[in-house]
Amino acid sequence: MTDFPFDIVGFDLDGTLLDSLGDLAVALNHALSLEGRPAIPFDAVRELVGGGARKMLARGLEVTGGPVSDERLSALHQALIDFYSDHVAVQTRLYPGGEAILQGLAARGVRIAVVTNKLEHLAVKIFAELGLSHHFFTVIGGDTLGPGRAKPKPDLIELMLERAGSADRPIRAAFVGDTTYDTGAAAAAGIPCVAVSFGFNDCPAQELGATAVIDHFDELIPTLERIGAAAEAV
């Protein structure tokens, strides 16, 4: 173990740790087809991701003909989830440098968590199918605490801290994400957040309100070291 400035590093899933765009796009277009809507090109789906599958679907409906009733949206959302559950890891992969960063953090004694607005059982299934589950001490989903507690509220990150709790000393934690949902939740929970510019950014990466921005996972460990040193100097 080394004197790394953080005990815990939490990651968002979609657009941060994993490039899940292909599988999300296929599932979204499946649901849209049930409503007779045209398929959305994968690159355009990138702009719709963030806040969970229901919000992605609602945005997809808006850009392909307009919203539907809440009842119909719920039915289409369930169809999307059912389809996606059977195809969660067809195209989904770690972003470049992802495996190395997980190993590098572990080598420094860091415990790694995932905090996502995706349904918990889907996140758990993805990591199991990709053979990555062993990297994480906890996987927390948008539904883990029930309705209304997903990011950008701090509740899920606070649960991460609770699950990592230690009676010996305060937990030093940081978060890594790609959207304002992530930076907002981290800020509300009182921990620094590193934004990745290669994800599903809902605004330019430099405008996400993150503590720092990286363009590749190779930059994450030195960035976290720099953030930690700056905090100690205050």
C-alpha atoms as a PDB file:
ATOM      1  CA  MET A   1       0.000   0.000   0.000  1.00  0.00           C
ATOM      2  CA  THR A   2       1.239   3.499  -0.823  1.00  0.00           C
ATOM      3  CA  ASP A   3       0.393   6.891   0.636  1.00  0.00           C
ATOM      4  CA  PHE A   4      -2.256   7.648  -1.977  1.00  0.00           C
ATOM      5  CA  PRO A   5      -4.489  10.603  -1.065  1.00  0.00           C
ATOM      6  CA  PHE A   6      -7.791   8.709  -1.458  1.00  0.00           C
ATOM      7  CA  ASP A   7      -9.062   5.539   0.193  1.00  0.00           C
ATOM      8  CA  ILE A   8     -12.100   5.240  -2.069  1.00  0.00           C
ATOM      9  CA  VAL A   9     -12.632   6.156  -5.712  1.00  0.00           C
ATOM     10  CA  GLY A  10     -16.148   5.879  -7.069  1.00  0.00           C
ATOM     11  CA  PHE A  11     -16.967   5.702 -10.765  1.00  0.00           C
ATOM     12  CA  ASP A  12     -20.070   6.414 -12.754  1.00  0.00           C
ATOM     13  CA  LEU A  13     -20.798   3.601 -15.234  1.00  0.00           C
ATOM     14  CA  ASP A  14     -22.243   4.757 -18.583  1.00  0.00           C
ATOM     15  CA  GLY A  15     -19.864   7.098 -20.379  1.00  0.00           C
ATOM     16  CA  THR A  16     -17.277   7.026 -17.604  1.00  0.00           C
ATOM     17  CA  LEU A  17     -15.965   3.558 -16.844  1.00  0.00           C
ATOM     18  CA  LEU A  18     -17.760   1.767 -19.670  1.00  0.00           C
ATOM     19  CA  ASP A  19     -18.519   2.753 -23.254  1.00  0.00           C
ATOM     20  CA  SER A  20     -22.042   1.376 -23.314  1.00  0.00           C
ATOM     21  CA  LEU A  21     -23.334   3.528 -26.160  1.00  0.00           C
ATOM     22  CA  GLY A  22     -23.863   0.692 -28.647  1.00  0.00           C
ATOM     23  CA  ASP A  23     -25.972  -1.465 -26.343  1.00  0.00           C
ATOM     24  CA  LEU A  24     -27.943   1.518 -25.047  1.00  0.00           C
ATOM     25  CA  ALA A  25     -28.661   2.690 -28.594  1.00  0.00           C
ATOM     26  CA  VAL A  26     -29.895  -0.728 -29.717  1.00  0.00           C
ATOM     27  CA  ALA A  27     -32.190  -0.999 -26.693  1.00  0.00           C
ATOM     28  CA  LEU A  28     -33.503   2.547 -27.159  1.00  0.00           C
ATOM     29  CA  ASN A  29     -34.230   1.975 -30.827  1.00  0.00           C
ATOM     30  CA  HIS A  30     -36.000  -1.272 -29.984  1.00  0.00           C
ATOM     31  CA  ALA A  31     -38.345   0.624 -27.656  1.00  0.00           C
ATOM     32  CA  LEU A  32     -38.860   3.416 -30.183  1.00  0.00           C
ATOM     33  CA  SER A  33     -39.764   0.876 -32.878  1.00  0.00           C
ATOM     34  CA  LEU A  34     -42.632  -0.359 -30.685  1.00  0.00           C
ATOM     35  CA  GLU A  35     -44.086   3.134 -30.948  1.00  0.00           C
ATOM     36  CA  GLY A  36     -43.511   3.274 -34.710  1.00  0.00           C
ATOM     37  CA  ARG A  37     -40.709   5.806 -34.324  1.00  0.00           C
ATOM     38  CA  PRO A  38     -37.597   5.935 -36.543  1.00  0.00           C
ATOM     39  CA  ALA A  39     -34.267   4.684 -35.240  1.00  0.00           C
ATOM     40  CA  ILE A  40     -31.837   7.253 -33.851  1.00  0.00           C
ATOM     41  CA  PRO A  41     -28.215   7.057 -35.090  1.00  0.00           C
ATOM     42  CA  PHE A  42     -25.796   5.887 -32.418  1.00  0.00           C
ATOM     43  CA  ASP A  43     -23.892   9.186 -32.359  1.00  0.00           C
ATOM     44  CA  ALA A  44     -27.135  11.056 -31.698  1.00  0.00           C
ATOM     45  CA  VAL A  45     -28.048   8.688 -28.862  1.00  0.00           C
ATOM     46  CA  ARG A  46     -24.914   9.903 -27.080  1.00  0.00           C
ATOM     47  CA  GLU A  47     -26.649  13.257 -26.567  1.00  0.00           C
ATOM     48  CA  LEU A  48     -29.669  11.567 -24.935  1.00  0.00           C
ATOM     49  CA  VAL A  49     -27.871   9.525 -22.259  1.00  0.00           C
ATOM     50  CA  GLY A  50     -27.806  10.720 -18.665  1.00  0.00           C
ATOM     51  CA  GLY A  51     -30.123  10.379 -15.711  1.00  0.00           C
ATOM     52  CA  GLY A  52     -31.197   6.806 -16.386  1.00  0.00           C
ATOM     53  CA  ALA A  53     -32.975   4.809 -19.089  1.00  0.00           C
ATOM     54  CA  ARG A  54     -36.394   6.390 -18.598  1.00  0.00           C
ATOM     55  CA  LYS A  55     -35.014   9.873 -19.207  1.00  0.00           C
ATOM     56  CA  MET A  56     -33.068   8.618 -22.235  1.00  0.00           C
ATOM     57  CA  LEU A  57     -36.259   7.110 -23.639  1.00  0.00           C
ATOM     58  CA  ALA A  58     -38.301  10.260 -22.971  1.00  0.00           C
ATOM     59  CA  ARG A  59     -35.686  12.332 -24.803  1.00  0.00           C
ATOM     60  CA  GLY A  60     -35.667   9.821 -27.663  1.00  0.00           C
ATOM     61  CA  LEU A  61     -39.436  10.087 -28.004  1.00  0.00           C
ATOM     62  CA  GLU A  62     -39.256  13.872 -28.000  1.00  0.00           C
ATOM     63  CA  VAL A  63     -36.800  13.980 -30.903  1.00  0.00           C
ATOM     64  CA  THR A  64     -38.638  11.349 -32.974  1.00  0.00           C
ATOM     65  CA  GLY A  65     -42.160  12.715 -32.872  1.00  0.00           C
ATOM     66  CA  GLY A  66     -42.993  14.005 -29.434  1.00  0.00           C
ATOM     67  CA  PRO A  67     -43.813  12.728 -25.959  1.00  0.00           C
ATOM     68  CA  VAL A  68     -46.323  10.000 -25.106  1.00  0.00           C
ATOM     69  CA  SER A  69     -48.548   9.542 -22.080  1.00  0.00           C
ATOM     70  CA  ASP A  70     -46.947   8.592 -18.779  1.00  0.00           C
ATOM     71  CA  GLU A  71     -48.649   5.196 -18.975  1.00  0.00           C
ATOM     72  CA  ARG A  72     -47.251   4.523 -22.444  1.00  0.00           C
ATOM     73  CA  LEU A  73     -43.838   5.808 -21.417  1.00  0.00           C
ATOM     74  CA  SER A  74     -43.826   3.355 -18.521  1.00  0.00           C
ATOM     75  CA  ALA A  75     -44.727   0.465 -20.839  1.00  0.00           C
ATOM     76  CA  LEU A  76     -42.035   1.409 -23.351  1.00  0.00           C
ATOM     77  CA  HIS A  77     -39.524   1.870 -20.557  1.00  0.00           C
ATOM     78  CA  GLN A  78     -40.214  -1.659 -19.316  1.00  0.00           C
ATOM     79  CA  ALA A  79     -39.830  -2.988 -22.872  1.00  0.00           C
ATOM     80  CA  LEU A  80     -36.500  -1.179 -23.143  1.00  0.00           C
ATOM     81  CA  ILE A  81     -35.294  -2.610 -19.829  1.00  0.00           C
ATOM     82  CA  ASP A  82     -36.402  -6.137 -20.739  1.00  0.00           C
ATOM     83  CA  PHE A  83     -34.563  -5.977 -24.057  1.00  0.00           C
ATOM     84  CA  TYR A  84     -31.490  -4.326 -22.573  1.00  0.00           C
ATOM     85  CA  SER A  85     -31.288  -6.888 -19.783  1.00  0.00           C
ATOM     86  CA  ASP A  86     -30.793  -9.590 -22.415  1.00  0.00           C
ATOM     87  CA  HIS A  87     -28.168  -7.567 -24.324  1.00  0.00           C
ATOM     88  CA  VAL A  88     -26.221  -5.599 -21.691  1.00  0.00           C
ATOM     89  CA  ALA A  89     -22.698  -6.545 -22.733  1.00  0.00           C
ATOM     90  CA  VAL A  90     -22.798  -7.177 -26.475  1.00  0.00           C
ATOM     91  CA  GLN A  91     -20.856  -4.057 -27.445  1.00  0.00           C
ATOM     92  CA  THR A  92     -20.136  -2.539 -24.021  1.00  0.00           C
ATOM     93  CA  ARG A  93     -16.468  -2.354 -23.073  1.00  0.00           C
ATOM     94  CA  LEU A  94     -14.127  -0.504 -20.719  1.00  0.00           C
ATOM     95  CA  TYR A  95     -12.815   2.748 -22.115  1.00  0.00           C
ATOM     96  CA  PRO A  96      -9.133   2.686 -23.154  1.00  0.00           C
ATOM     97  CA  GLY A  97      -6.945   2.465 -20.081  1.00  0.00           C
ATOM     98  CA  GLY A  98      -9.850   1.257 -17.950  1.00  0.00           C
ATOM     99  CA  GLU A  99      -8.358  -2.079 -16.923  1.00  0.00           C
ATOM    100  CA  ALA A 100      -5.012  -0.455 -16.138  1.00  0.00           C
ATOM    101  CA  ILE A 101      -6.628   2.217 -13.986  1.00  0.00           C
ATOM    102  CA  LEU A 102      -8.593  -0.331 -11.969  1.00  0.00           C
ATOM    103  CA  GLN A 103      -5.419  -2.315 -11.373  1.00  0.00           C
ATOM    104  CA  GLY A 104      -3.384   0.809 -10.664  1.00  0.00           C
ATOM    105  CA  LEU A 105      -5.812   2.086  -8.039  1.00  0.00           C
ATOM    106  CA  ALA A 106      -6.000  -1.332  -6.370  1.00  0.00           C
ATOM    107  CA  ALA A 107      -2.193  -1.498  -6.262  1.00  0.00           C
ATOM    108  CA  ARG A 108      -2.266   1.761  -4.299  1.00  0.00           C
ATOM    109  CA  GLY A 109      -4.661   0.326  -1.727  1.00  0.00           C
ATOM    110  CA  VAL A 110      -7.702   2.117  -3.118  1.00  0.00           C
ATOM    111  CA  ARG A 111     -11.128   0.505  -2.842  1.00  0.00           C
ATOM    112  CA  ILE A 112     -13.258   1.067  -5.944  1.00  0.00           C
ATOM    113  CA  ALA A 113     -17.006   1.585  -6.164  1.00  0.00           C
ATOM    114  CA  VAL A 114     -19.545   2.131  -8.915  1.00  0.00           C
ATOM    115  CA  VAL A 115     -22.351   4.637  -8.393  1.00  0.00           C
ATOM    116  CA  THR A 116     -24.675   4.841 -11.377  1.00  0.00           C
ATOM    117  CA  ASN A 117     -28.199   5.965 -12.176  1.00  0.00           C
ATOM    118  CA  LYS A 118     -28.652   2.694 -14.069  1.00  0.00           C
ATOM    119  CA  LEU A 119     -30.809   0.110 -12.298  1.00  0.00           C
ATOM    120  CA  GLU A 120     -28.620  -1.765  -9.834  1.00  0.00           C
ATOM    121  CA  HIS A 121     -29.364  -5.258 -11.161  1.00  0.00           C
ATOM    122  CA  LEU A 122     -28.396  -4.192 -14.683  1.00  0.00           C
ATOM    123  CA  ALA A 123     -25.114  -2.676 -13.521  1.00  0.00           C
ATOM    124  CA  VAL A 124     -24.297  -5.813 -11.536  1.00  0.00           C
ATOM    125  CA  LYS A 125     -25.126  -7.980 -14.563  1.00  0.00           C
ATOM    126  CA  ILE A 126     -22.917  -5.959 -16.913  1.00  0.00           C
ATOM    127  CA  PHE A 127     -19.867  -6.270 -14.678  1.00  0.00           C
ATOM    128  CA  ALA A 128     -20.511  -9.970 -14.168  1.00  0.00           C
ATOM    129  CA  GLU A 129     -20.754 -10.603 -17.906  1.00  0.00           C
ATOM    130  CA  LEU A 130     -17.591  -8.586 -18.550  1.00  0.00           C
ATOM    131  CA  GLY A 131     -15.713 -10.378 -15.771  1.00  0.00           C
ATOM    132  CA  LEU A 132     -15.081  -7.152 -13.853  1.00  0.00           C
ATOM    133  CA  SER A 133     -17.108  -7.643 -10.664  1.00  0.00           C
ATOM    134  CA  HIS A 134     -14.072  -8.439  -8.526  1.00  0.00           C
ATOM    135  CA  HIS A 135     -12.765  -4.892  -8.903  1.00  0.00           C
ATOM    136  CA  PHE A 136     -15.579  -3.270  -6.875  1.00  0.00           C
ATOM    137  CA  PHE A 137     -16.412  -3.366  -3.181  1.00  0.00           C
ATOM    138  CA  THR A 138     -19.913  -2.093  -3.969  1.00  0.00           C
ATOM    139  CA  VAL A 139     -22.137  -1.351  -6.974  1.00  0.00           C
ATOM    140  CA  ILE A 140     -24.903   1.156  -6.282  1.00  0.00           C
ATOM    141  CA  GLY A 141     -27.695   1.834  -8.764  1.00  0.00           C
ATOM    142  CA  GLY A 142     -30.239   4.562  -9.282  1.00  0.00           C
ATOM    143  CA  ASP A 143     -32.915   2.423  -7.628  1.00  0.00           C
ATOM    144  CA  THR A 144     -30.799   1.140  -4.708  1.00  0.00           C
ATOM    145  CA  LEU A 145     -32.322   3.606  -2.242  1.00  0.00           C
ATOM    146  CA  GLY A 146     -35.706   3.820  -3.935  1.00  0.00           C
ATOM    147  CA  PRO A 147     -37.345   6.528  -6.073  1.00  0.00           C
ATOM    148  CA  GLY A 148     -36.139  10.105  -6.122  1.00  0.00           C
ATOM    149  CA  ARG A 149     -32.651   9.568  -4.709  1.00  0.00           C
ATOM    150  CA  ALA A 150     -30.523   9.207  -7.843  1.00  0.00           C
ATOM    151  CA  LYS A 151     -27.749  11.588  -8.895  1.00  0.00           C
ATOM    152  CA  PRO A 152     -27.461  14.620  -8.918  1.00  0.00           C
ATOM    153  CA  LYS A 153     -28.729  14.167  -5.369  1.00  0.00           C
ATOM    154  CA  PRO A 154     -25.877  13.144  -3.059  1.00  0.00           C
ATOM    155  CA  ASP A 155     -27.703  10.139  -1.570  1.00  0.00           C
ATOM    156  CA  LEU A 156     -26.023   7.411  -3.640  1.00  0.00           C
ATOM    157  CA  ILE A 157     -22.526   8.774  -3.085  1.00  0.00           C
ATOM    158  CA  GLU A 158     -23.286   9.131   0.616  1.00  0.00           C
ATOM    159  CA  LEU A 159     -24.315   5.456   0.605  1.00  0.00           C
ATOM    160  CA  MET A 160     -20.970   4.614  -1.010  1.00  0.00           C
ATOM    161  CA  LEU A 161     -19.198   6.436   1.832  1.00  0.00           C
ATOM    162  CA  GLU A 162     -21.369   4.703   4.411  1.00  0.00           C
ATOM    163  CA  ARG A 163     -20.565   1.275   2.978  1.00  0.00           C
ATOM    164  CA  ALA A 164     -16.863   2.143   3.000  1.00  0.00           C
ATOM    165  CA  GLY A 165     -16.975   3.549   6.509  1.00  0.00           C
ATOM    166  CA  SER A 166     -14.189   3.121   8.988  1.00  0.00           C
ATOM    167  CA  ALA A 167     -14.181   3.677  12.724  1.00  0.00           C
ATOM    168  CA  ASP A 168     -10.468   4.490  12.630  1.00  0.00           C
ATOM    169  CA  ARG A 169     -10.465   7.693  10.591  1.00  0.00           C
ATOM    170  CA  PRO A 170     -12.524   9.680   8.069  1.00  0.00           C
ATOM    171  CA  ILE A 171     -12.815   8.165   4.602  1.00  0.00           C
ATOM    172  CA  ARG A 172     -10.965  10.091   1.889  1.00  0.00           C
ATOM    173  CA  ALA A 173     -13.000   9.716  -1.295  1.00  0.00           C
ATOM    174  CA  ALA A 174     -13.183  11.044  -4.831  1.00  0.00           C
ATOM    175  CA  PHE A 175     -15.603  10.438  -7.680  1.00  0.00           C
ATOM    176  CA  VAL A 176     -15.164  10.111 -11.449  1.00  0.00           C
ATOM    177  CA  GLY A 177     -17.991  10.925 -13.844  1.00  0.00           C
ATOM    178  CA  ASP A 178     -18.966  12.429 -17.165  1.00  0.00           C
ATOM    179  CA  THR A 179     -22.097  14.541 -16.616  1.00  0.00           C
ATOM    180  CA  THR A 180     -23.558  17.254 -14.407  1.00  0.00           C
ATOM    181  CA  TYR A 181     -25.440  14.460 -12.600  1.00  0.00           C
ATOM    182  CA  ASP A 182     -22.063  13.212 -11.371  1.00  0.00           C
ATOM    183  CA  THR A 183     -20.409  16.535 -10.596  1.00  0.00           C
ATOM    184  CA  GLY A 184     -23.553  17.772  -8.863  1.00  0.00           C
ATOM    185  CA  ALA A 185     -23.855  14.674  -6.697  1.00  0.00           C
ATOM    186  CA  ALA A 186     -20.175  14.739  -5.748  1.00  0.00           C
ATOM    187  CA  ALA A 187     -20.299  18.427  -4.861  1.00  0.00           C
ATOM    188  CA  ALA A 188     -23.422  17.901  -2.750  1.00  0.00           C
ATOM    189  CA  ALA A 189     -21.693  15.005  -0.976  1.00  0.00           C
ATOM    190  CA  GLY A 190     -18.625  17.172  -0.353  1.00  0.00           C
ATOM    191  CA  ILE A 191     -16.058  15.179  -2.333  1.00  0.00           C
ATOM    192  CA  PRO A 192     -13.960  16.116  -5.393  1.00  0.00           C
ATOM    193  CA  CYS A 193     -15.009  14.922  -8.820  1.00  0.00           C
ATOM    194  CA  VAL A 194     -12.869  14.257 -11.890  1.00  0.00           C
ATOM    195  CA  ALA A 195     -14.750  14.527 -15.179  1.00  0.00           C
ATOM    196  CA  VAL A 196     -13.815  12.506 -18.266  1.00  0.00           C
ATOM    197  CA  SER A 197     -14.040  14.355 -21.561  1.00  0.00           C
ATOM    198  CA  PHE A 198     -14.539  11.142 -23.568  1.00  0.00           C
ATOM    199  CA  GLY A 199     -17.916  10.230 -22.062  1.00  0.00           C
ATOM    200  CA  PHE A 200     -21.533  11.243 -22.564  1.00  0.00           C
ATOM    201  CA  ASN A 201     -20.940  14.825 -21.453  1.00  0.00           C
ATOM    202  CA  ASP A 202     -24.185  16.818 -21.208  1.00  0.00           C
ATOM    203  CA  CYS A 203     -22.201  20.025 -21.647  1.00  0.00           C
ATOM    204  CA  PRO A 204     -18.573  20.764 -22.552  1.00  0.00           C
ATOM    205  CA  ALA A 205     -16.336  18.880 -20.137  1.00  0.00           C
ATOM    206  CA  GLN A 206     -14.692  22.059 -18.847  1.00  0.00           C
ATOM    207  CA  GLU A 207     -18.138  23.394 -17.924  1.00  0.00           C
ATOM    208  CA  LEU A 208     -19.303  20.375 -15.913  1.00  0.00           C
ATOM    209  CA  GLY A 209     -18.149  21.925 -12.660  1.00  0.00           C
ATOM    210  CA  ALA A 210     -15.627  19.190 -11.920  1.00  0.00           C
ATOM    211  CA  THR A 211     -12.527  19.582  -9.772  1.00  0.00           C
ATOM    212  CA  ALA A 212     -10.479  18.477 -12.791  1.00  0.00           C
ATOM    213  CA  VAL A 213     -10.990  17.105 -16.306  1.00  0.00           C
ATOM    214  CA  ILE A 214      -9.068  14.270 -17.953  1.00  0.00           C
ATOM    215  CA  ASP A 215      -8.955  13.129 -21.582  1.00  0.00           C
ATOM    216  CA  HIS A 216      -7.706   9.569 -20.936  1.00  0.00           C
ATOM    217  CA  PHE A 217      -7.582   7.240 -17.947  1.00  0.00           C
ATOM    218  CA  ASP A 218      -3.780   7.469 -18.040  1.00  0.00           C
ATOM    219  CA  GLU A 219      -4.233  10.911 -16.473  1.00  0.00           C
ATOM    220  CA  LEU A 220      -6.457   9.837 -13.579  1.00  0.00           C
ATOM    221  CA  ILE A 221      -3.950   8.723 -10.948  1.00  0.00           C
ATOM    222  CA  PRO A 222      -1.664  11.779 -11.296  1.00  0.00           C
ATOM    223  CA  THR A 223      -4.756  14.006 -11.324  1.00  0.00           C
ATOM    224  CA  LEU A 224      -6.038  12.462  -8.093  1.00  0.00           C
ATOM    225  CA  GLU A 225      -2.572  12.855  -6.555  1.00  0.00           C
ATOM    226  CA  ARG A 226      -2.572  16.512  -7.539  1.00  0.00           C
ATOM    227  CA  ILE A 227      -6.057  17.073  -6.097  1.00  0.00           C
ATOM    228  CA  GLY A 228      -5.028  15.383  -2.882  1.00  0.00           C
ATOM    229  CA  ALA A 229      -1.859  17.449  -2.564  1.00  0.00           C
ATOM    230  CA  ALA A 230      -3.789  20.657  -3.181  1.00  0.00           C
ATOM    231  CA  ALA A 231      -6.301  19.742  -0.491  1.00  0.00           C
ATOM    232  CA  GLU A 232      -3.535  19.052   2.027  1.00  0.00           C
ATOM    233  CA  ALA A 233      -1.927  22.396   1.257  1.00  0.00           C
ATOM    234  CA  VAL A 234      -5.056  24.356   2.110  1.00  0.00           C
END
